[in-house]
Amino acid sequence: MPLNIPGLLAPFHVLINPRLVIPSLIIKDIRQLDFQALRNAGYRGAVFDKDNCLTVPNQDRLVPELEDAWKECRETFGEGNVLIVSNSAGTTRDPGLLQAESVTHHLQTPVLLHPSPKPAYSTISAIRAYFSSLPPTSPSPPPIRDDELIIVGDRVFTDVVMGRRMKRRGFISSLFSSPSPPPSSTPTTPDTQSPWTRTGPLTILTTHLWQRENTFLRYIENNLMHSIRRFILKDPTPSTKWRGEAGAYDLFVKPQFRVMEKEVEMGKGRPGHRLPKEKEGRERVWEGVVVS
């Protein structure tokens, strides 16, 4: 497997800008995302990683459990406004671009062609060029900007760093700044201004692995992320309860998932336990957590 030089150099960039490894939101998988809330908040486009985010690594078909969420995402943002950016399909590791064609077919979504792997600046330029090239739709809104994108992936040094590099902030102020203040609780509609302050893409880290891979690198990435958050950004929230920047979880995660997690934290759910099938009708089962 070819070395991902931009990814290997990312930790050195983190020495200059520690917030590069801090995602806006952490979720288990895309089923938790409220795509309509994201659209109402002003996000018009979405960039997704492929392996272990939408598919099993080295496979091109969507994970069956994500079919409904993926359909909802594409319908909410619109055809063409959802883009796959992978470090396998559509790169120099994809001879003849056969995998890119296969992924486009199975996921019904375009795959970005880019010679350098994420989080390279050339890949960021290719993403911008793609969204700038989309044909206008009635009533001809302007091209999708960086701060109107969500970036979703399962790796800190590639997906999160790439999204953070697209953030519109001053260099000095971004070095050791505190997490964003919580937004207003005012409900949003497509016709009202979002209370969420957008200064760049919303970077979303998924934690569920459809197949275990690169576990040691993931361990290093996650520990670095939480260490920077606690010791440099001075956020005392325990790692097991931290879900991203203040306000993002409550705004952009579907209510049923928020309720379930709160019930588990209050002791009403039992982590890591599944009921026999004959009892599942009397209790709610969600991803290994049973809520009475």
Foldseek 3Di string as FASTA:
>chain_A
DDDQVLLVCLVVVCVQFVCLLFAQFEAAALVFWDLLLLVLQQAQAEEEEPDQHQDPPPDQAGDVVCVVSLVVNCVSNHAQRYEYEYQQQQEPNQVVSPSQVSNCVRSVHHYQRDHHAFPDVSVVVSVQVSQQPDDADVVGDHGRAQLNYAFEYADRSGRSSSQVVQFQDDSVCRRQHAFDDAFDPDDTGNVDHHSDDGRGHRYYHHHHGPDDDPVVNRVVSLVSNVCCCCPRNVDPDDPVPDTRGHHPSVRTTDPVVVVQVVCVVVVQKDAQDDDPPVCCVVWPDDPRIIGD
